[in-house]
C-alpha atoms as a PDB file:
ATOM      1  CA  UNK A   1     219.580 376.669  26.323  1.00  0.00           C
ATOM      2  CA  UNK A   2     217.900 379.425  24.748  1.00  0.00           C
ATOM      3  CA  UNK A   3     218.488 381.392  28.064  1.00  0.00           C
ATOM      4  CA  UNK A   4     222.053 381.089  27.708  1.00  0.00           C
ATOM      5  CA  UNK A   5     222.507 381.564  24.192  1.00  0.00           C
ATOM      6  CA  UNK A   6     219.786 384.326  24.038  1.00  0.00           C
ATOM      7  CA  UNK A   7     220.357 386.792  26.647  1.00  0.00           C
ATOM      8  CA  UNK A   8     224.131 387.643  26.142  1.00  0.00           C
ATOM      9  CA  UNK A   9     222.657 388.860  22.960  1.00  0.00           C
ATOM     10  CA  UNK A  10     219.945 391.159  24.965  1.00  0.00           C
ATOM     11  CA  UNK A  11     222.112 394.210  24.746  1.00  0.00           C
ATOM     12  CA  UNK A  12     222.368 394.457  21.104  1.00  0.00           C
ATOM     13  CA  UNK A  13     219.288 393.129  20.249  1.00  0.00           C
ATOM     14  CA  UNK A  14     216.379 394.375  23.074  1.00  0.00           C
ATOM     15  CA  UNK A  15     213.896 391.292  22.065  1.00  0.00           C
ATOM     16  CA  UNK A  16     215.647 388.909  23.754  1.00  0.00           C
ATOM     17  CA  UNK A  17     215.480 390.573  26.730  1.00  0.00           C
ATOM     18  CA  UNK A  18     212.322 388.501  26.884  1.00  0.00           C
ATOM     19  CA  UNK A  19     214.044 385.068  27.650  1.00  0.00           C
ATOM     20  CA  UNK A  20     215.306 386.629  31.374  1.00  0.00           C
ATOM     21  CA  UNK A  21     211.422 386.540  32.079  1.00  0.00           C
ATOM     22  CA  UNK A  22     210.559 383.147  34.041  1.00  0.00           C
ATOM     23  CA  UNK A  23     207.100 383.372  33.242  1.00  0.00           C
ATOM     24  CA  UNK A  24     207.675 384.098  29.211  1.00  0.00           C
ATOM     25  CA  UNK A  25     209.863 381.230  28.993  1.00  0.00           C
ATOM     26  CA  UNK A  26     207.693 379.100  31.347  1.00  0.00           C
ATOM     27  CA  UNK A  27     204.836 379.915  28.656  1.00  0.00           C
ATOM     28  CA  UNK A  28     206.943 378.638  25.946  1.00  0.00           C
ATOM     29  CA  UNK A  29     208.205 375.617  27.435  1.00  0.00           C
ATOM     30  CA  UNK A  30     204.286 374.599  27.932  1.00  0.00           C
ATOM     31  CA  UNK A  31     203.416 375.188  24.011  1.00  0.00           C
ATOM     32  CA  UNK A  32     206.744 373.642  22.793  1.00  0.00           C
ATOM     33  CA  UNK A  33     206.127 370.259  24.911  1.00  0.00           C
ATOM     34  CA  UNK A  34     202.178 370.431  24.080  1.00  0.00           C
ATOM     35  CA  UNK A  35     202.984 370.644  20.210  1.00  0.00           C
ATOM     36  CA  UNK A  36     206.169 367.556  20.254  1.00  0.00           C
ATOM     37  CA  UNK A  37     203.361 365.919  22.191  1.00  0.00           C
ATOM     38  CA  UNK A  38     200.979 366.342  18.873  1.00  0.00           C
ATOM     39  CA  UNK A  39     203.426 365.510  16.742  1.00  0.00           C
ATOM     40  CA  UNK A  40     205.500 362.602  17.912  1.00  0.00           C
ATOM     41  CA  UNK A  41     202.330 360.998  19.638  1.00  0.00           C
ATOM     42  CA  UNK A  42     200.777 359.683  16.577  1.00  0.00           C
ATOM     43  CA  UNK A  43     204.061 357.977  15.497  1.00  0.00           C
ATOM     44  CA  UNK A  44     205.055 356.620  19.089  1.00  0.00           C
ATOM     45  CA  UNK A  45     201.401 355.234  19.209  1.00  0.00           C
ATOM     46  CA  UNK A  46     201.665 353.154  16.458  1.00  0.00           C
ATOM     47  CA  UNK A  47     205.414 352.102  17.190  1.00  0.00           C
ATOM     48  CA  UNK A  48     203.944 351.106  20.315  1.00  0.00           C
ATOM     49  CA  UNK A  49     201.191 348.937  19.310  1.00  0.00           C
ATOM     50  CA  UNK A  50     203.238 347.135  16.549  1.00  0.00           C
ATOM     51  CA  UNK A  51     206.202 346.375  19.186  1.00  0.00           C
ATOM     52  CA  UNK A  52     203.886 345.259  21.752  1.00  0.00           C
ATOM     53  CA  UNK A  53     201.189 343.246  20.042  1.00  0.00           C
ATOM     54  CA  UNK A  54     198.366 342.769  22.676  1.00  0.00           C
ATOM     55  CA  UNK A  55     199.218 345.663  24.579  1.00  0.00           C
ATOM     56  CA  UNK A  56     199.565 346.007  28.833  1.00  0.00           C
ATOM     57  CA  UNK A  57     198.475 342.835  30.189  1.00  0.00           C
ATOM     58  CA  UNK A  58     195.265 342.993  32.503  1.00  0.00           C
ATOM     59  CA  UNK A  59     194.776 341.637  35.834  1.00  0.00           C
ATOM     60  CA  UNK A  60     192.215 338.705  35.388  1.00  0.00           C
ATOM     61  CA  UNK A  61     191.012 339.775  39.151  1.00  0.00           C
ATOM     62  CA  UNK A  62     190.462 343.390  38.077  1.00  0.00           C
ATOM     63  CA  UNK A  63     187.347 345.240  37.271  1.00  0.00           C
ATOM     64  CA  UNK A  64     184.925 343.709  34.290  1.00  0.00           C
ATOM     65  CA  UNK A  65     185.112 346.749  32.382  1.00  0.00           C
ATOM     66  CA  UNK A  66     189.332 346.109  31.736  1.00  0.00           C
ATOM     67  CA  UNK A  67     188.988 343.448  29.536  1.00  0.00           C
ATOM     68  CA  UNK A  68     187.819 345.765  27.165  1.00  0.00           C
ATOM     69  CA  UNK A  69     190.531 347.577  27.226  1.00  0.00           C
ATOM     70  CA  UNK A  70     192.718 344.387  26.520  1.00  0.00           C
ATOM     71  CA  UNK A  71     195.370 345.274  23.026  1.00  0.00           C
ATOM     72  CA  UNK A  72     195.863 348.857  24.376  1.00  0.00           C
ATOM     73  CA  UNK A  73     199.716 349.798  24.214  1.00  0.00           C
ATOM     74  CA  UNK A  74     201.500 351.090  27.467  1.00  0.00           C
ATOM     75  CA  UNK A  75     204.545 352.815  28.013  1.00  0.00           C
ATOM     76  CA  UNK A  76     202.928 356.183  26.718  1.00  0.00           C
ATOM     77  CA  UNK A  77     205.169 358.019  29.150  1.00  0.00           C
ATOM     78  CA  UNK A  78     208.063 357.177  26.535  1.00  0.00           C
ATOM     79  CA  UNK A  79     205.853 360.310  24.952  1.00  0.00           C
ATOM     80  CA  UNK A  80     206.015 362.726  28.243  1.00  0.00           C
ATOM     81  CA  UNK A  81     209.506 362.330  28.652  1.00  0.00           C
ATOM     82  CA  UNK A  82     210.580 363.142  25.166  1.00  0.00           C
ATOM     83  CA  UNK A  83     208.466 366.250  24.820  1.00  0.00           C
ATOM     84  CA  UNK A  84     209.262 366.877  28.669  1.00  0.00           C
ATOM     85  CA  UNK A  85     212.913 366.957  28.165  1.00  0.00           C
ATOM     86  CA  UNK A  86     213.350 368.680  25.475  1.00  0.00           C
ATOM     87  CA  UNK A  87     210.953 371.372  26.164  1.00  0.00           C
ATOM     88  CA  UNK A  88     213.019 372.115  29.608  1.00  0.00           C
ATOM     89  CA  UNK A  89     216.146 371.966  27.868  1.00  0.00           C
ATOM     90  CA  UNK A  90     215.468 374.294  25.045  1.00  0.00           C
ATOM     91  CA  UNK A  91     213.772 377.064  27.807  1.00  0.00           C
ATOM     92  CA  UNK A  92     215.542 376.544  31.040  1.00  0.00           C
ATOM     93  CA  UNK A  93     218.956 378.107  32.416  1.00  0.00           C
ATOM     94  CA  UNK A  94     221.043 374.670  31.654  1.00  0.00           C
ATOM     95  CA  UNK A  95     223.551 376.279  34.075  1.00  0.00           C
ATOM     96  CA  UNK A  96     221.117 375.290  36.586  1.00  0.00           C
ATOM     97  CA  UNK A  97     221.933 372.320  38.812  1.00  0.00           C
ATOM     98  CA  UNK A  98     218.545 371.746  40.268  1.00  0.00           C
ATOM     99  CA  UNK A  99     217.129 371.571  36.255  1.00  0.00           C
ATOM    100  CA  UNK A 100     219.690 369.261  35.984  1.00  0.00           C
ATOM    101  CA  UNK A 101     218.807 367.073  39.472  1.00  0.00           C
ATOM    102  CA  UNK A 102     215.478 367.218  38.442  1.00  0.00           C
ATOM    103  CA  UNK A 103     215.837 366.060  34.538  1.00  0.00           C
ATOM    104  CA  UNK A 104     218.139 363.470  36.209  1.00  0.00           C
ATOM    105  CA  UNK A 105     215.649 361.793  38.972  1.00  0.00           C
ATOM    106  CA  UNK A 106     212.268 362.006  35.705  1.00  0.00           C
ATOM    107  CA  UNK A 107     214.790 359.985  33.485  1.00  0.00           C
ATOM    108  CA  UNK A 108     216.484 357.495  36.263  1.00  0.00           C
ATOM    109  CA  UNK A 109     212.041 356.636  37.061  1.00  0.00           C
ATOM    110  CA  UNK A 110     211.059 356.643  33.830  1.00  0.00           C
ATOM    111  CA  UNK A 111     213.631 353.852  33.299  1.00  0.00           C
ATOM    112  CA  UNK A 112     213.069 351.806  36.241  1.00  0.00           C
ATOM    113  CA  UNK A 113     209.143 352.176  34.968  1.00  0.00           C
ATOM    114  CA  UNK A 114     210.384 351.105  31.408  1.00  0.00           C
ATOM    115  CA  UNK A 115     211.946 348.305  32.382  1.00  0.00           C
ATOM    116  CA  UNK A 116     208.870 347.404  34.373  1.00  0.00           C
ATOM    117  CA  UNK A 117     206.406 347.878  31.768  1.00  0.00           C
ATOM    118  CA  UNK A 118     208.785 346.171  29.138  1.00  0.00           C
ATOM    119  CA  UNK A 119     208.615 342.853  31.780  1.00  0.00           C
ATOM    120  CA  UNK A 120     205.378 343.154  32.432  1.00  0.00           C
ATOM    121  CA  UNK A 121     205.002 342.665  28.198  1.00  0.00           C
ATOM    122  CA  UNK A 122     207.675 340.023  27.648  1.00  0.00           C
ATOM    123  CA  UNK A 123     206.128 338.121  30.481  1.00  0.00           C
ATOM    124  CA  UNK A 124     202.453 338.527  29.205  1.00  0.00           C
ATOM    125  CA  UNK A 125     201.814 339.298  32.943  1.00  0.00           C
ATOM    126  CA  UNK A 126     200.947 342.192  35.289  1.00  0.00           C
ATOM    127  CA  UNK A 127     204.183 341.333  37.423  1.00  0.00           C
ATOM    128  CA  UNK A 128     207.152 342.996  36.302  1.00  0.00           C
ATOM    129  CA  UNK A 129     209.765 344.089  38.381  1.00  0.00           C
ATOM    130  CA  UNK A 130     210.336 342.360  41.953  1.00  0.00           C
ATOM    131  CA  UNK A 131     208.430 345.316  44.124  1.00  0.00           C
ATOM    132  CA  UNK A 132     211.692 344.915  46.419  1.00  0.00           C
ATOM    133  CA  UNK A 133     214.224 345.606  43.147  1.00  0.00           C
ATOM    134  CA  UNK A 134     212.204 348.397  42.538  1.00  0.00           C
ATOM    135  CA  UNK A 135     212.648 349.804  45.827  1.00  0.00           C
ATOM    136  CA  UNK A 136     215.870 349.539  45.741  1.00  0.00           C
ATOM    137  CA  UNK A 137     216.712 351.010  42.850  1.00  0.00           C
ATOM    138  CA  UNK A 138     214.579 353.801  43.420  1.00  0.00           C
ATOM    139  CA  UNK A 139     216.119 354.308  46.574  1.00  0.00           C
ATOM    140  CA  UNK A 140     219.689 354.383  45.165  1.00  0.00           C
ATOM    141  CA  UNK A 141     218.729 357.290  42.979  1.00  0.00           C
ATOM    142  CA  UNK A 142     216.392 358.922  45.387  1.00  0.00           C
ATOM    143  CA  UNK A 143     219.738 359.106  47.688  1.00  0.00           C
ATOM    144  CA  UNK A 144     221.441 360.104  45.072  1.00  0.00           C
ATOM    145  CA  UNK A 145     219.877 363.231  43.908  1.00  0.00           C
ATOM    146  CA  UNK A 146     219.057 364.328  47.524  1.00  0.00           C
ATOM    147  CA  UNK A 147     222.987 363.926  48.707  1.00  0.00           C
ATOM    148  CA  UNK A 148     223.225 366.395  45.499  1.00  0.00           C
ATOM    149  CA  UNK A 149     220.308 368.940  46.464  1.00  0.00           C
ATOM    150  CA  UNK A 150     221.356 368.936  50.197  1.00  0.00           C
ATOM    151  CA  UNK A 151     224.832 370.304  48.914  1.00  0.00           C
ATOM    152  CA  UNK A 152     223.474 373.389  47.054  1.00  0.00           C
ATOM    153  CA  UNK A 153     221.424 374.355  49.774  1.00  0.00           C
ATOM    154  CA  UNK A 154     222.445 377.611  51.906  1.00  0.00           C
ATOM    155  CA  UNK A 155     224.081 376.339  55.888  1.00  0.00           C
ATOM    156  CA  UNK A 156     220.831 377.303  57.314  1.00  0.00           C
ATOM    157  CA  UNK A 157     218.650 375.785  55.351  1.00  0.00           C
ATOM    158  CA  UNK A 158     220.270 372.223  54.422  1.00  0.00           C
ATOM    159  CA  UNK A 159     218.212 369.785  57.021  1.00  0.00           C
ATOM    160  CA  UNK A 160     215.527 372.077  57.723  1.00  0.00           C
ATOM    161  CA  UNK A 161     211.367 370.788  57.132  1.00  0.00           C
ATOM    162  CA  UNK A 162     209.081 373.631  57.110  1.00  0.00           C
ATOM    163  CA  UNK A 163     205.792 373.036  58.866  1.00  0.00           C
ATOM    164  CA  UNK A 164     201.975 374.384  56.613  1.00  0.00           C
ATOM    165  CA  UNK A 165     200.426 377.053  58.771  1.00  0.00           C
ATOM    166  CA  UNK A 166     202.782 377.727  60.466  1.00  0.00           C
ATOM    167  CA  UNK A 167     205.326 381.091  60.559  1.00  0.00           C
ATOM    168  CA  UNK A 168     208.348 379.558  62.271  1.00  0.00           C
ATOM    169  CA  UNK A 169     208.014 376.222  63.269  1.00  0.00           C
ATOM    170  CA  UNK A 170     210.963 375.100  61.409  1.00  0.00           C
ATOM    171  CA  UNK A 171     212.124 371.675  62.310  1.00  0.00           C
ATOM    172  CA  UNK A 172     215.620 370.473  61.932  1.00  0.00           C
ATOM    173  CA  UNK A 173     215.515 366.947  60.887  1.00  0.00           C
ATOM    174  CA  UNK A 174     219.825 366.872  61.413  1.00  0.00           C
ATOM    175  CA  UNK A 175     221.006 363.257  59.748  1.00  0.00           C
ATOM    176  CA  UNK A 176     217.757 362.127  58.839  1.00  0.00           C
ATOM    177  CA  UNK A 177     216.510 364.885  56.294  1.00  0.00           C
ATOM    178  CA  UNK A 178     218.060 362.507  53.870  1.00  0.00           C
ATOM    179  CA  UNK A 179     216.160 359.392  54.425  1.00  0.00           C
ATOM    180  CA  UNK A 180     213.341 361.798  54.655  1.00  0.00           C
ATOM    181  CA  UNK A 181     213.840 363.280  51.662  1.00  0.00           C
ATOM    182  CA  UNK A 182     214.839 359.845  49.397  1.00  0.00           C
ATOM    183  CA  UNK A 183     210.832 358.865  51.375  1.00  0.00           C
ATOM    184  CA  UNK A 184     209.108 362.000  49.867  1.00  0.00           C
ATOM    185  CA  UNK A 185     210.572 360.949  46.606  1.00  0.00           C
ATOM    186  CA  UNK A 186     210.243 357.787  46.151  1.00  0.00           C
ATOM    187  CA  UNK A 187     206.702 357.606  48.210  1.00  0.00           C
ATOM    188  CA  UNK A 188     205.481 359.948  45.985  1.00  0.00           C
ATOM    189  CA  UNK A 189     206.534 357.985  42.583  1.00  0.00           C
ATOM    190  CA  UNK A 190     204.864 354.703  44.327  1.00  0.00           C
ATOM    191  CA  UNK A 191     201.761 357.123  45.055  1.00  0.00           C
ATOM    192  CA  UNK A 192     201.328 358.525  41.686  1.00  0.00           C
ATOM    193  CA  UNK A 193     201.703 354.976  39.730  1.00  0.00           C
ATOM    194  CA  UNK A 194     198.713 353.499  42.056  1.00  0.00           C
ATOM    195  CA  UNK A 195     196.732 356.121  41.299  1.00  0.00           C
ATOM    196  CA  UNK A 196     197.398 355.367  37.824  1.00  0.00           C
ATOM    197  CA  UNK A 197     194.094 353.102  36.717  1.00  0.00           C
ATOM    198  CA  UNK A 198     191.946 354.587  35.009  1.00  0.00           C
ATOM    199  CA  UNK A 199     191.814 356.411  31.493  1.00  0.00           C
ATOM    200  CA  UNK A 200     192.755 360.139  32.141  1.00  0.00           C
ATOM    201  CA  UNK A 201     193.261 359.737  35.931  1.00  0.00           C
ATOM    202  CA  UNK A 202     197.086 360.279  36.877  1.00  0.00           C
ATOM    203  CA  UNK A 203     198.150 362.721  34.340  1.00  0.00           C
ATOM    204  CA  UNK A 204     195.460 365.710  35.318  1.00  0.00           C
ATOM    205  CA  UNK A 205     196.002 365.593  39.263  1.00  0.00           C
ATOM    206  CA  UNK A 206     199.833 365.587  38.494  1.00  0.00           C
ATOM    207  CA  UNK A 207     199.153 368.424  35.510  1.00  0.00           C
ATOM    208  CA  UNK A 208     197.454 370.343  38.573  1.00  0.00           C
ATOM    209  CA  UNK A 209     200.723 369.630  40.985  1.00  0.00           C
ATOM    210  CA  UNK A 210     203.099 370.641  38.414  1.00  0.00           C
ATOM    211  CA  UNK A 211     200.606 374.117  37.991  1.00  0.00           C
ATOM    212  CA  UNK A 212     201.031 374.547  41.858  1.00  0.00           C
ATOM    213  CA  UNK A 213     204.853 373.955  42.078  1.00  0.00           C
ATOM    214  CA  UNK A 214     205.791 376.240  39.175  1.00  0.00           C
ATOM    215  CA  UNK A 215     203.813 379.071  41.188  1.00  0.00           C
ATOM    216  CA  UNK A 216     205.269 377.988  44.343  1.00  0.00           C
ATOM    217  CA  UNK A 217     208.670 377.523  42.562  1.00  0.00           C
ATOM    218  CA  UNK A 218     208.338 381.029  41.561  1.00  0.00           C
ATOM    219  CA  UNK A 219     207.484 382.314  44.496  1.00  0.00           C
ATOM    220  CA  UNK A 220     210.876 380.432  46.387  1.00  0.00           C
ATOM    221  CA  UNK A 221     212.993 381.408  43.734  1.00  0.00           C
ATOM    222  CA  UNK A 222     211.947 385.314  44.195  1.00  0.00           C
ATOM    223  CA  UNK A 223     213.894 386.790  46.959  1.00  0.00           C
ATOM    224  CA  UNK A 224     211.230 389.686  47.037  1.00  0.00           C
ATOM    225  CA  UNK A 225     208.185 387.452  47.376  1.00  0.00           C
ATOM    226  CA  UNK A 226     209.735 384.856  49.474  1.00  0.00           C
ATOM    227  CA  UNK A 227     210.316 387.334  52.126  1.00  0.00           C
ATOM    228  CA  UNK A 228     206.724 388.838  52.257  1.00  0.00           C
ATOM    229  CA  UNK A 229     205.768 385.545  52.859  1.00  0.00           C
ATOM    230  CA  UNK A 230     207.772 384.187  55.152  1.00  0.00           C
ATOM    231  CA  UNK A 231     208.935 381.041  53.255  1.00  0.00           C
ATOM    232  CA  UNK A 232     212.063 380.047  52.727  1.00  0.00           C
ATOM    233  CA  UNK A 233     214.072 381.597  49.938  1.00  0.00           C
ATOM    234  CA  UNK A 234     215.958 378.910  47.913  1.00  0.00           C
ATOM    235  CA  UNK A 235     218.340 380.559  45.132  1.00  0.00           C
ATOM    236  CA  UNK A 236     218.032 379.060  41.615  1.00  0.00           C
ATOM    237  CA  UNK A 237     214.931 377.199  42.366  1.00  0.00           C
ATOM    238  CA  UNK A 238     212.566 379.563  39.758  1.00  0.00           C
ATOM    239  CA  UNK A 239     214.053 377.863  37.384  1.00  0.00           C
ATOM    240  CA  UNK A 240     212.064 374.985  38.506  1.00  0.00           C
ATOM    241  CA  UNK A 241     208.879 376.792  37.069  1.00  0.00           C
ATOM    242  CA  UNK A 242     210.167 376.448  33.108  1.00  0.00           C
ATOM    243  CA  UNK A 243     210.376 372.099  34.233  1.00  0.00           C
ATOM    244  CA  UNK A 244     206.471 372.381  35.499  1.00  0.00           C
ATOM    245  CA  UNK A 245     205.393 374.721  32.670  1.00  0.00           C
ATOM    246  CA  UNK A 246     207.352 371.739  30.389  1.00  0.00           C
ATOM    247  CA  UNK A 247     205.230 369.202  32.336  1.00  0.00           C
ATOM    248  CA  UNK A 248     201.742 370.833  31.737  1.00  0.00           C
ATOM    249  CA  UNK A 249     202.111 370.598  28.299  1.00  0.00           C
ATOM    250  CA  UNK A 250     203.664 367.628  27.739  1.00  0.00           C
ATOM    251  CA  UNK A 251     200.531 366.337  30.354  1.00  0.00           C
ATOM    252  CA  UNK A 252     197.971 367.932  28.110  1.00  0.00           C
ATOM    253  CA  UNK A 253     199.223 366.199  24.947  1.00  0.00           C
ATOM    254  CA  UNK A 254     199.704 363.271  26.388  1.00  0.00           C
ATOM    255  CA  UNK A 255     195.699 363.650  28.015  1.00  0.00           C
ATOM    256  CA  UNK A 256     194.451 363.997  24.221  1.00  0.00           C
ATOM    257  CA  UNK A 257     195.534 360.356  23.499  1.00  0.00           C
ATOM    258  CA  UNK A 258     194.530 358.915  27.072  1.00  0.00           C
ATOM    259  CA  UNK A 259     191.620 360.492  26.877  1.00  0.00           C
ATOM    260  CA  UNK A 260     189.041 357.964  27.446  1.00  0.00           C
ATOM    261  CA  UNK A 261     188.612 355.199  25.100  1.00  0.00           C
ATOM    262  CA  UNK A 262     192.229 355.321  25.885  1.00  0.00           C
ATOM    263  CA  UNK A 263     194.820 355.102  23.032  1.00  0.00           C
ATOM    264  CA  UNK A 264     197.494 354.468  25.024  1.00  0.00           C
ATOM    265  CA  UNK A 265     198.087 353.859  28.890  1.00  0.00           C
ATOM    266  CA  UNK A 266     201.084 355.911  30.799  1.00  0.00           C
ATOM    267  CA  UNK A 267     202.486 353.364  32.373  1.00  0.00           C
ATOM    268  CA  UNK A 268     204.680 352.834  34.870  1.00  0.00           C
ATOM    269  CA  UNK A 269     207.453 354.887  32.849  1.00  0.00           C
ATOM    270  CA  UNK A 270     205.056 357.947  32.798  1.00  0.00           C
ATOM    271  CA  UNK A 271     203.912 357.509  36.409  1.00  0.00           C
ATOM    272  CA  UNK A 272     207.176 356.388  38.067  1.00  0.00           C
ATOM    273  CA  UNK A 273     208.721 359.350  36.718  1.00  0.00           C
ATOM    274  CA  UNK A 274     206.486 362.321  36.972  1.00  0.00           C
ATOM    275  CA  UNK A 275     205.948 361.479  40.328  1.00  0.00           C
ATOM    276  CA  UNK A 276     209.660 361.416  41.177  1.00  0.00           C
ATOM    277  CA  UNK A 277     209.672 364.467  39.584  1.00  0.00           C
ATOM    278  CA  UNK A 278     207.128 366.204  41.775  1.00  0.00           C
ATOM    279  CA  UNK A 279     208.823 364.937  44.925  1.00  0.00           C
ATOM    280  CA  UNK A 280     212.150 366.293  43.910  1.00  0.00           C
ATOM    281  CA  UNK A 281     210.634 369.981  43.542  1.00  0.00           C
ATOM    282  CA  UNK A 282     208.855 369.913  46.559  1.00  0.00           C
ATOM    283  CA  UNK A 283     211.989 369.224  48.168  1.00  0.00           C
ATOM    284  CA  UNK A 284     214.165 371.769  46.516  1.00  0.00           C
ATOM    285  CA  UNK A 285     211.207 373.907  47.406  1.00  0.00           C
ATOM    286  CA  UNK A 286     211.078 373.362  50.833  1.00  0.00           C
ATOM    287  CA  UNK A 287     207.473 372.239  50.574  1.00  0.00           C
ATOM    288  CA  UNK A 288     207.854 368.930  51.258  1.00  0.00           C
ATOM    289  CA  UNK A 289     204.411 368.580  53.424  1.00  0.00           C
ATOM    290  CA  UNK A 290     202.972 370.627  51.298  1.00  0.00           C
ATOM    291  CA  UNK A 291     203.273 368.073  48.515  1.00  0.00           C
ATOM    292  CA  UNK A 292     200.981 365.413  51.069  1.00  0.00           C
ATOM    293  CA  UNK A 293     198.243 368.359  50.953  1.00  0.00           C
ATOM    294  CA  UNK A 294     198.293 369.039  46.776  1.00  0.00           C
ATOM    295  CA  UNK A 295     199.192 365.955  46.170  1.00  0.00           C
ATOM    296  CA  UNK A 296     196.639 364.681  48.423  1.00  0.00           C
ATOM    297  CA  UNK A 297     194.724 362.272  46.008  1.00  0.00           C
ATOM    298  CA  UNK A 298     197.667 360.206  45.557  1.00  0.00           C
ATOM    299  CA  UNK A 299     198.148 360.187  49.371  1.00  0.00           C
ATOM    300  CA  UNK A 300     194.566 358.498  49.413  1.00  0.00           C
ATOM    301  CA  UNK A 301     194.889 356.218  46.771  1.00  0.00           C
ATOM    302  CA  UNK A 302     198.066 355.236  48.370  1.00  0.00           C
ATOM    303  CA  UNK A 303     196.427 355.153  52.104  1.00  0.00           C
ATOM    304  CA  UNK A 304     194.035 352.652  50.554  1.00  0.00           C
ATOM    305  CA  UNK A 305     196.312 350.026  49.470  1.00  0.00           C
ATOM    306  CA  UNK A 306     198.131 350.214  53.317  1.00  0.00           C
ATOM    307  CA  UNK A 307     194.627 350.186  54.653  1.00  0.00           C
ATOM    308  CA  UNK A 308     193.248 347.310  52.619  1.00  0.00           C
ATOM    309  CA  UNK A 309     196.767 345.011  53.087  1.00  0.00           C
ATOM    310  CA  UNK A 310     196.542 345.442  56.829  1.00  0.00           C
ATOM    311  CA  UNK A 311     193.332 344.620  57.538  1.00  0.00           C
ATOM    312  CA  UNK A 312     193.867 341.695  55.072  1.00  0.00           C
ATOM    313  CA  UNK A 313     196.174 340.277  57.021  1.00  0.00           C
ATOM    314  CA  UNK A 314     195.069 340.981  60.232  1.00  0.00           C
ATOM    315  CA  UNK A 315     191.613 340.056  60.197  1.00  0.00           C
ATOM    316  CA  UNK A 316     191.261 338.124  57.030  1.00  0.00           C
ATOM    317  CA  UNK A 317     189.140 340.738  55.672  1.00  0.00           C
ATOM    318  CA  UNK A 318     189.107 343.618  53.223  1.00  0.00           C
ATOM    319  CA  UNK A 319     188.136 347.218  54.024  1.00  0.00           C
ATOM    320  CA  UNK A 320     187.459 348.266  50.306  1.00  0.00           C
ATOM    321  CA  UNK A 321     186.031 346.272  47.319  1.00  0.00           C
ATOM    322  CA  UNK A 322     189.086 346.313  45.889  1.00  0.00           C
ATOM    323  CA  UNK A 323     191.984 348.528  46.137  1.00  0.00           C
ATOM    324  CA  UNK A 324     193.351 351.378  45.499  1.00  0.00           C
ATOM    325  CA  UNK A 325     190.375 353.614  45.718  1.00  0.00           C
ATOM    326  CA  UNK A 326     189.498 354.145  42.245  1.00  0.00           C
ATOM    327  CA  UNK A 327     188.913 350.187  41.693  1.00  0.00           C
ATOM    328  CA  UNK A 328     186.694 350.165  44.602  1.00  0.00           C
ATOM    329  CA  UNK A 329     184.109 352.498  43.440  1.00  0.00           C
ATOM    330  CA  UNK A 330     184.269 350.452  39.869  1.00  0.00           C
ATOM    331  CA  UNK A 331     183.479 347.108  41.792  1.00  0.00           C
ATOM    332  CA  UNK A 332     180.180 349.650  42.933  1.00  0.00           C
ATOM    333  CA  UNK A 333     179.445 350.390  40.038  1.00  0.00           C
ATOM    334  CA  UNK A 334     180.203 354.113  39.297  1.00  0.00           C
ATOM    335  CA  UNK A 335     181.140 354.597  35.687  1.00  0.00           C
ATOM    336  CA  UNK A 336     184.925 354.741  34.604  1.00  0.00           C
ATOM    337  CA  UNK A 337     184.136 358.896  33.560  1.00  0.00           C
ATOM    338  CA  UNK A 338     182.653 359.947  37.153  1.00  0.00           C
ATOM    339  CA  UNK A 339     185.254 358.354  39.332  1.00  0.00           C
ATOM    340  CA  UNK A 340     187.932 360.191  36.669  1.00  0.00           C
ATOM    341  CA  UNK A 341     186.359 363.317  37.077  1.00  0.00           C
ATOM    342  CA  UNK A 342     185.463 363.701  40.460  1.00  0.00           C
ATOM    343  CA  UNK A 343     188.714 362.509  41.409  1.00  0.00           C
ATOM    344  CA  UNK A 344     189.882 365.381  39.338  1.00  0.00           C
ATOM    345  CA  UNK A 345     187.809 367.878  41.640  1.00  0.00           C
ATOM    346  CA  UNK A 346     189.176 366.762  44.273  1.00  0.00           C
ATOM    347  CA  UNK A 347     192.704 366.888  43.529  1.00  0.00           C
ATOM    348  CA  UNK A 348     191.616 370.640  42.519  1.00  0.00           C
ATOM    349  CA  UNK A 349     190.354 370.990  45.698  1.00  0.00           C
ATOM    350  CA  UNK A 350     193.051 369.892  47.152  1.00  0.00           C
ATOM    351  CA  UNK A 351     195.411 372.081  45.464  1.00  0.00           C
ATOM    352  CA  UNK A 352     193.687 375.226  46.230  1.00  0.00           C
ATOM    353  CA  UNK A 353     193.665 374.288  50.038  1.00  0.00           C
ATOM    354  CA  UNK A 354     197.963 373.544  49.563  1.00  0.00           C
ATOM    355  CA  UNK A 355     198.534 376.896  48.505  1.00  0.00           C
ATOM    356  CA  UNK A 356     196.687 378.856  50.776  1.00  0.00           C
ATOM    357  CA  UNK A 357     199.181 377.687  53.218  1.00  0.00           C
ATOM    358  CA  UNK A 358     201.645 380.187  51.203  1.00  0.00           C
ATOM    359  CA  UNK A 359     199.680 383.113  52.742  1.00  0.00           C
ATOM    360  CA  UNK A 360     197.921 381.165  56.008  1.00  0.00           C
ATOM    361  CA  UNK A 361     200.328 381.302  58.100  1.00  0.00           C
END
């Protein structure tokens, strides 16, 4: 919004030329969302605690240490969404349709998560929306935003899928690109949700992925850099670096209150929203498969659940002591901070591997 109002004045006031630079506005978005999170955080946590009473229901079959977290409020994702949305609207070029697409997914998936969290609290159970209904609503919103995004692409890249580490290996998915993109958005959303099981575990890898895609969006949106790196040039995609900056700032603000012992949980309100946003950004920047690498921790967590369920149904035996993967290590006796920090390290390493695909091709 500041871009739209102040850049036209730059001819008379040269200082407003700063708002032409994505890097300046991305930095502003980080600081703004961080400050907003610090301001609204304490009051929102107090309000959530008053409204929720006993807080997020704790699974009886989960690790014993989780029983100590009883009474901690959930829906902390509302704090992230508010800071993220205000900061993005303030610093981004609001005539950019990609910004609106990512904001739409964030808010829509956040609403799904809010309903899920609300039902869990209301019924005092770890079960909220039925998995089938939740998936159906996610697919509906995913299809809607994908249809809009594909309509914004240049004809030459509408249905194309780039393969990391290869220069000219581009797959034309044709009509299948639409369901594939829905799978990316919904899959990313649920993968982050599965990872969000320990204090601080999900938000840091999300910020790492957000930082990576801030860089990717900047490069993809710049014709000089995209031609040099031989990656798709998507006009207007650079503006998504502002959204990613706001995501990092709001994530840092949330982590302040989510650091062990957590004062508030993200809940499905935050995890579904952030995962869906990352999936959408990967589609716009034409780096869907790179998201699988950068977000490899989320993939591992999801794979552990799939393997566990499949193994139990087919053989009656469990591969892990408990799924998702972080609970397996809890059951093995690892301390929660140990698991969280080691998973952060894994996320950072995978992010470096993902970024290397920009040059190694």
